[in-house]
C-alpha cells in the first residue's frame, strides 16, 4: 500500500501549482529542461524517420491520423512511466540497470558505426503488410498499433535518459512531454541540422554515455552537480563543432587537391 501511496503522491505533484511557479522561475530547472529537449531532438531525428517509413503505405490523409494516435499513446505511456519511475529510480539496482542499458545503447551505436552500419535497415517497403498486427486489426489500426509499440520503445530510452539527467518530477514531466513533441513536430529541423553537422548524431550518443555514468555514480552517492554537468555539455558541443569544422576543412582540401 505504501508503494501505491508513493506513486499517487508523485502524480499529485503534477498539479501543485505553487511548485510549478517555483520551478518555472528557477534557471537551473530551465537548464535541465533545455538539456532534455536538445537530447530528445537529436535522438528523435532517426526515430521520426522510422515512424514516417512505417506509415507511408497508408493513404496520405490517414498517415497523419496514425501518427497522431501514436502521439496520444506516447503521452499516456510517458506519464505512467515517469510516475512509476520516480519511485523505482530510488532503488539502487534500478539505477544500475538503467545506467547499463543507456551505456549499451551508446556502445552499440559506436560498434555499429565502426562496422559501417550507421544507417540501419529502416524497412524501406514500410510495415509488413502480412504482419500479425495488420491481420488482427486491419491496415489502419494495425499500423497505429505498430507505431504505438515503436513509440513505447523510443520512450523507454528517453525516460531512462531523463532520469539520468534529473530525478525531479517536474523536470521529467516537462522534458518528457516536450520530447514527444520534438519527435512529431521539430524532428525535421534536427534532421536538417544533423545533415549539416553529421557529428551531432555521435554527440547525442556521447551524451547518453555521460548520463549513464552520472546515473551510475549516483548509486555510490557521488553526485555530479548541475554546474559540472552543464560545463561537460558545453564542452561536448564545443568539441563537436570543432571536429565538424576540421572535417569540413579536410574535405575542402581533398576537393582542392583533386
Foldseek 3Di string as FASTA:
>chain_A
DVLVVQLVVLLVVVVPVVVVVVLVVDVLLVVLLVVLLLLLLLVLLVVLVLLCLQQVVDPPVLSVVLVVLLLVLLLVLLSSCLSSVLSVLVDLVVLLVLLVVLLCVLVVCVVCVVVVPNDPDSPNNHDDCPDPLCVVPNDRVSSSVVSNVSSNVVLVNSLSLSVLSDSDSVSSSSSSSSSSCSSVPVNVVSNVVCVLQVLVSNLSSVSSNVSSVQSNVVSVVDHQDSVNNVVVNVVSVVVSVVVSVVVVVVVVVVVVVD
